[in-house]
Amino acid sequence: MDFTLDQLMALDAIARTGSFSKAAEALFKVPSAVSYNIQGLELALGVPVFDRSRRRAVLTDAGRRLLEASRDVLERARKLDQLAGKLRGGWEPQLHVVVDGALPLGPVTGALRRFADPEVPTSLRLDIEFQDGVLDAFNASEADLALTTGFDFNGDEVGYASRALPDIELFLVASPDHPLTQGTFDPERRAGHAELVVRDSSPRFARDPKASFIGSKNVVYLSDFHSKRIALIDAAGYGWIPRHFIAQDLSDGRLVQIEAELNSWTYHPLIVTREGDHLGRGGELFIETLLAGIAT
């Protein structure tokens, strides 16, 4: 019974992402190649490894057992790939970074410009996620780095290593035309007004969104902070937003901080890697460029 590494990688990718198409994206293959690998695996095994009667790709009992047995092989292959990169001069073929969209993107785009240099052989892939979606995407795609807000992440958690980035301040704001900028900010008054919230991009909250930070029942979910800023300026609701998105709006009076007992909050962002992993020259260059951009 012979299995190839490509077959085992396809099995692992489908189990992590939940579909053949998403696994193909994660492996940089066309879906037909992933399907071919699974067909070959099932032919060698003699039984199906996925239950295809459901909308989401679900492992059969045989598939689960094979996946568990192959984890060590896949981890060894990943480390061998890292070693091969270092032996080629230390440059990774690709550096995959997952970034929380709440963070300032100026230093990140500075890194994009640096990696556009023809003398840098590593290609850079950036994915923007939000809140728990950052670490979910980091783990599902086996990305090299994650830049998180640190909101729900404990730096001592087993399996991760982290490095602190400068704190980010959030304000509770609204348009000066919004009723909640006048009078008391209590649950009874705000019940009639929408709290604007950027949706957590984790698949866990696709159907049942995470509750708002202050427990609001009247919540409107948006896809990113840029659309949230516009909605706040248009007095469509109130909400929390990092200061760097609205500094000029506060200065010009388009937005004001709401008078409330709690109207500011601090994120403690982190650079996250896997414990025991060693970045190649591309990863080191990204962090070096990022920190230089933050310092300016």
Protein backbone atom coordinates (compact mmCIF):
# COMPACT_ATOMS: atom_id res chain seq x y z
CA MET A 1 0.00 0.00 0.00
CA ASP A 2 1.93 3.05 -1.29
CA PHE A 3 0.98 6.65 -0.53
CA THR A 4 2.67 9.73 -1.98
CA LEU A 5 3.46 12.90 -0.05
CA ASP A 6 1.23 14.89 -2.43
CA GLN A 7 -1.70 12.62 -1.57
CA LEU A 8 -1.19 13.03 2.16
CA MET A 9 -0.81 16.79 1.79
CA ALA A 10 -4.09 16.93 -0.14
CA LEU A 11 -5.82 14.88 2.57
CA ASP A 12 -4.51 17.22 5.27
CA ALA A 13 -5.41 20.40 3.36
CA ILE A 14 -9.00 19.29 2.71
CA ALA A 15 -9.45 18.32 6.36
CA ARG A 16 -8.14 21.74 7.46
CA THR A 17 -10.05 23.91 5.00
CA GLY A 18 -13.25 21.89 4.66
CA SER A 19 -13.41 21.72 0.86
CA PHE A 20 -11.51 20.53 -2.19
CA SER A 21 -11.50 24.01 -3.75
CA LYS A 22 -10.10 25.73 -0.66
CA ALA A 23 -7.50 22.98 -0.28
CA ALA A 24 -6.44 23.61 -3.88
CA GLU A 25 -5.95 27.31 -3.08
CA ALA A 26 -3.90 26.48 0.02
CA LEU A 27 -1.70 24.08 -1.96
CA PHE A 28 -1.47 26.37 -5.04
CA LYS A 29 -2.96 23.65 -7.24
CA VAL A 30 -6.00 23.36 -9.46
CA PRO A 31 -8.96 21.51 -7.85
CA SER A 32 -8.69 18.65 -10.36
CA ALA A 33 -5.13 17.91 -9.14
CA VAL A 34 -6.35 17.69 -5.55
CA SER A 35 -9.23 15.40 -6.59
CA TYR A 36 -6.77 13.20 -8.53
CA ASN A 37 -4.54 12.85 -5.45
CA ILE A 38 -7.49 11.83 -3.27
CA GLN A 39 -8.72 9.33 -5.86
CA GLY A 40 -5.25 7.76 -5.93
CA LEU A 41 -5.17 7.66 -2.15
CA GLU A 42 -8.56 5.96 -1.96
CA LEU A 43 -7.53 3.48 -4.67
CA ALA A 44 -4.40 2.55 -2.71
CA LEU A 45 -6.33 2.32 0.56
CA GLY A 46 -9.29 0.45 -0.91
CA VAL A 47 -11.90 2.56 0.94
CA PRO A 48 -13.12 6.17 0.69
CA VAL A 49 -11.41 8.77 2.89
CA PHE A 50 -14.12 11.45 2.50
CA ASP A 51 -17.88 11.25 2.83
CA ARG A 52 -19.04 12.96 -0.38
CA SER A 53 -22.73 12.83 0.49
CA ARG A 54 -22.44 16.07 2.48
CA ARG A 55 -21.91 19.65 1.30
CA ARG A 56 -18.72 19.98 3.37
CA ALA A 57 -15.88 17.50 2.91
CA VAL A 58 -16.07 15.22 5.97
CA LEU A 59 -13.51 12.53 6.73
CA THR A 60 -14.62 8.94 7.01
CA ASP A 61 -13.32 6.86 9.91
CA ALA A 62 -10.61 5.48 7.65
CA GLY A 63 -9.71 9.00 6.53
CA ARG A 64 -9.40 10.23 10.13
CA ARG A 65 -7.18 7.34 11.09
CA LEU A 66 -4.95 7.84 8.05
CA LEU A 67 -4.72 11.58 8.67
CA GLU A 68 -3.70 11.06 12.30
CA ALA A 69 -1.04 8.55 11.25
CA SER A 70 0.32 10.91 8.57
CA ARG A 71 0.71 14.03 10.78
CA ASP A 72 4.28 13.19 11.73
CA VAL A 73 5.22 12.55 8.09
CA LEU A 74 3.74 15.91 7.03
CA GLU A 75 5.49 17.79 9.83
CA ARG A 76 8.82 16.21 8.88
CA ALA A 77 8.23 17.14 5.24
CA ARG A 78 7.49 20.75 6.21
CA LYS A 79 10.71 20.97 8.22
CA LEU A 80 12.68 19.42 5.36
CA ASP A 81 11.21 22.06 3.04
CA GLN A 82 12.33 24.78 5.47
CA LEU A 83 15.80 23.26 5.58
CA ALA A 84 15.97 23.07 1.78
CA GLY A 85 15.12 26.77 1.62
CA LYS A 86 17.93 27.62 3.98
CA LEU A 87 20.35 25.48 2.00
CA ARG A 88 19.36 27.48 -1.11
CA GLY A 89 20.61 30.63 0.57
CA GLY A 90 18.02 31.04 3.29
CA TRP A 91 15.30 32.60 1.11
CA GLU A 92 11.85 31.02 1.29
CA PRO A 93 10.08 30.58 -2.10
CA GLN A 94 7.07 32.31 -0.53
CA LEU A 95 6.36 34.08 2.76
CA HIS A 96 2.73 33.86 3.85
CA VAL A 97 1.55 36.47 6.39
CA VAL A 98 -1.94 36.80 7.91
CA VAL A 99 -2.71 40.32 9.15
CA ASP A 100 -5.53 41.63 11.34
CA GLY A 101 -7.26 44.41 9.42
CA ALA A 102 -7.50 46.49 12.61
CA LEU A 103 -3.75 47.14 12.50
CA PRO A 104 -2.16 50.12 10.72
CA LEU A 105 -1.40 48.92 7.18
CA GLY A 106 1.25 51.55 6.39
CA PRO A 107 4.16 49.47 7.77
CA VAL A 108 2.73 46.36 6.07
CA THR A 109 2.52 48.04 2.66
CA GLY A 110 6.10 49.20 3.24
CA ALA A 111 7.03 45.53 3.42
CA LEU A 112 5.09 44.90 0.20
CA ARG A 113 7.23 47.53 -1.56
CA ARG A 114 10.40 45.96 -0.16
CA PHE A 115 9.46 42.51 -1.46
CA ALA A 116 8.75 43.96 -4.90
CA ASP A 117 12.52 44.44 -5.28
CA PRO A 118 13.76 41.97 -7.93
CA GLU A 119 16.73 41.20 -5.70
CA VAL A 120 14.40 39.69 -3.08
CA PRO A 121 13.66 36.14 -4.34
CA THR A 122 10.86 35.47 -1.82
CA SER A 123 7.31 36.26 -2.96
CA LEU A 124 5.01 37.76 -0.34
CA ARG A 125 1.42 36.66 0.22
CA LEU A 126 -0.79 38.73 2.55
CA ASP A 127 -4.22 37.70 3.83
CA ILE A 128 -6.37 40.19 5.79
CA GLU A 129 -8.58 38.69 8.50
CA PHE A 130 -10.23 39.97 11.68
CA GLN A 131 -10.03 38.91 15.34
CA ASP A 132 -10.18 35.09 15.81
CA GLY A 133 -10.12 34.72 12.03
CA VAL A 134 -6.44 35.68 12.04
CA LEU A 135 -5.19 32.67 14.01
CA ASP A 136 -7.76 30.40 12.34
CA ALA A 137 -6.37 31.36 8.92
CA PHE A 138 -2.79 31.16 10.24
CA ASN A 139 -3.33 27.57 11.33
CA ALA A 140 -5.53 26.44 8.42
CA SER A 141 -3.09 27.63 5.75
CA GLU A 142 0.10 26.98 7.73
CA ALA A 143 1.15 30.59 7.17
CA ASP A 144 4.59 31.69 8.34
CA LEU A 145 3.58 34.76 10.36
CA ALA A 146 0.49 36.34 11.84
CA LEU A 147 0.05 39.92 12.96
CA THR A 148 -2.72 39.89 15.56
CA THR A 149 -4.38 42.49 17.77
CA GLY A 150 -3.65 40.25 20.73
CA PHE A 151 -7.31 40.62 21.71
CA ASP A 152 -7.99 36.90 22.31
CA PHE A 153 -4.45 35.56 22.23
CA ASN A 154 -2.31 34.54 25.20
CA GLY A 155 1.37 34.78 24.28
CA ASP A 156 2.14 31.87 26.62
CA GLU A 157 -0.20 29.53 24.76
CA VAL A 158 1.48 26.24 23.83
CA GLY A 159 2.46 26.00 20.18
CA TYR A 160 2.97 29.71 19.53
CA ALA A 161 5.77 32.19 19.99
CA SER A 162 5.09 35.93 19.97
CA ARG A 163 6.76 39.31 19.88
CA ALA A 164 5.05 42.50 21.02
CA LEU A 165 4.21 45.37 18.69
CA PRO A 166 3.26 48.91 19.82
CA ASP A 167 -0.14 49.23 21.49
CA ILE A 168 -3.15 50.47 19.52
CA GLU A 169 -5.83 52.64 21.08
CA LEU A 170 -9.52 52.27 20.19
CA PHE A 171 -12.18 54.92 20.82
CA LEU A 172 -15.96 54.63 21.18
CA VAL A 173 -17.17 57.25 18.70
CA ALA A 174 -20.11 58.59 16.72
CA SER A 175 -20.94 61.49 14.45
CA PRO A 176 -21.66 64.73 16.36
CA ASP A 177 -25.13 64.49 14.74
CA HIS A 178 -25.82 61.13 16.40
CA PRO A 179 -28.22 61.24 19.40
CA LEU A 180 -25.86 59.23 21.63
CA THR A 181 -23.30 62.05 21.64
CA GLN A 182 -25.77 63.98 23.80
CA GLY A 183 -26.94 62.85 27.23
CA THR A 184 -26.20 59.61 29.04
CA PHE A 185 -24.82 56.52 27.35
CA ASP A 186 -26.84 53.83 29.13
CA PRO A 187 -28.24 50.48 27.88
CA GLU A 188 -31.79 51.84 27.68
CA ARG A 189 -30.83 54.82 25.45
CA ARG A 190 -28.49 52.93 23.18
CA ALA A 191 -30.97 50.05 22.64
CA GLY A 192 -32.63 52.13 19.93
CA HIS A 193 -29.40 52.75 18.04
CA ALA A 194 -27.19 50.39 16.04
CA GLU A 195 -23.73 49.50 17.24
CA LEU A 196 -21.48 49.10 14.20
CA VAL A 197 -19.18 46.08 14.52
CA VAL A 198 -16.57 44.62 12.15
CA ARG A 199 -17.44 40.95 11.83
CA ASP A 200 -14.97 38.40 13.22
CA SER A 201 -13.80 36.56 10.09
CA SER A 202 -13.44 33.18 11.80
CA PRO A 203 -15.65 30.54 10.11
CA ARG A 204 -16.97 29.77 13.60
CA PHE A 205 -18.99 33.00 13.52
CA ALA A 206 -20.29 32.84 9.94
CA ARG A 207 -23.84 31.98 11.04
CA ASP A 208 -23.77 33.02 14.69
CA PRO A 209 -21.73 36.27 14.99
CA LYS A 210 -19.70 36.95 18.11
CA ALA A 211 -21.45 39.20 20.64
CA SER A 212 -20.48 42.87 20.70
CA PHE A 213 -17.87 44.01 23.20
CA ILE A 214 -20.40 45.90 25.36
CA GLY A 215 -23.23 43.44 24.88
CA SER A 216 -25.37 45.47 22.49
CA LYS A 217 -28.45 43.69 21.12
CA ASN A 218 -28.91 46.03 18.15
CA VAL A 219 -25.79 45.28 16.08
CA VAL A 220 -24.95 45.89 12.42
CA TYR A 221 -21.98 43.83 11.17
CA LEU A 222 -19.61 45.28 8.58
CA SER A 223 -16.76 43.67 6.64
CA ASP A 224 -13.93 46.11 7.46
CA PHE A 225 -12.98 49.30 9.29
CA HIS A 226 -13.01 51.49 6.18
CA SER A 227 -16.73 50.86 5.61
CA LYS A 228 -17.30 51.21 9.36
CA ARG A 229 -15.63 54.64 9.36
CA ILE A 230 -17.92 55.84 6.55
CA ALA A 231 -21.01 54.54 8.37
CA LEU A 232 -19.92 56.29 11.58
CA ILE A 233 -19.40 59.61 9.79
CA ASP A 234 -22.85 59.25 8.20
CA ALA A 235 -24.40 58.83 11.70
CA ALA A 236 -25.66 55.32 10.86
CA GLY A 237 -24.62 54.13 14.31
CA TYR A 238 -21.91 54.24 16.94
CA GLY A 239 -18.95 51.95 17.60
CA TRP A 240 -15.36 51.19 18.50
CA ILE A 241 -12.61 51.92 15.98
CA PRO A 242 -8.81 52.15 16.16
CA ARG A 243 -7.61 55.72 16.49
CA HIS A 244 -5.36 55.55 13.41
CA PHE A 245 -8.44 55.15 11.17
CA ILE A 246 -10.13 58.32 12.47
CA ALA A 247 -7.40 60.64 13.78
CA GLN A 248 -8.12 63.28 11.14
CA ASP A 249 -11.89 62.86 11.57
CA LEU A 250 -11.55 63.55 15.30
CA SER A 251 -9.38 66.57 14.60
CA ASP A 252 -11.84 67.95 12.02
CA GLY A 253 -14.93 67.21 14.15
CA ARG A 254 -16.49 64.68 11.79
CA LEU A 255 -16.43 62.18 14.67
CA VAL A 256 -16.44 62.68 18.45
CA GLN A 257 -15.68 60.38 21.33
CA ILE A 258 -18.82 59.32 23.19
CA GLU A 259 -19.06 60.32 26.84
CA ALA A 260 -19.26 56.92 28.53
CA GLU A 261 -17.72 55.23 31.55
CA LEU A 262 -15.67 53.10 29.14
CA ASN A 263 -14.91 54.90 25.88
CA SER A 264 -11.36 53.79 25.11
CA TRP A 265 -9.66 50.42 24.86
CA THR A 266 -6.14 49.23 24.10
CA TYR A 267 -5.07 46.39 21.83
CA HIS A 268 -1.68 44.77 22.47
CA PRO A 269 -0.66 43.57 18.98
CA LEU A 270 1.68 40.64 18.43
CA ILE A 271 3.85 39.09 15.76
CA VAL A 272 3.01 35.38 16.02
CA THR A 273 4.99 32.40 14.76
CA ARG A 274 4.89 28.71 15.57
CA GLU A 275 7.00 27.62 18.49
CA GLY A 276 10.20 26.01 17.21
CA ASP A 277 9.90 27.38 13.67
CA HIS A 278 12.82 29.38 12.31
CA LEU A 279 12.10 32.05 9.74
CA GLY A 280 14.23 32.26 6.64
CA ARG A 281 15.71 35.45 5.25
CA GLY A 282 12.37 36.49 3.79
CA GLY A 283 10.63 36.29 7.17
CA GLU A 284 13.43 38.17 8.87
CA LEU A 285 13.33 40.85 6.16
CA PHE A 286 9.57 41.25 6.58
CA ILE A 287 9.84 41.76 10.35
CA GLU A 288 12.81 44.10 9.96
CA THR A 289 10.93 46.21 7.36
CA LEU A 290 7.74 46.19 9.44
CA LEU A 291 9.48 47.39 12.60
CA ALA A 292 11.36 50.07 10.68
CA GLY A 293 8.06 51.31 9.25
CA ILE A 294 6.47 51.43 12.70
CA ALA A 295 9.42 53.37 14.10
CA THR A 296 9.19 56.15 11.48
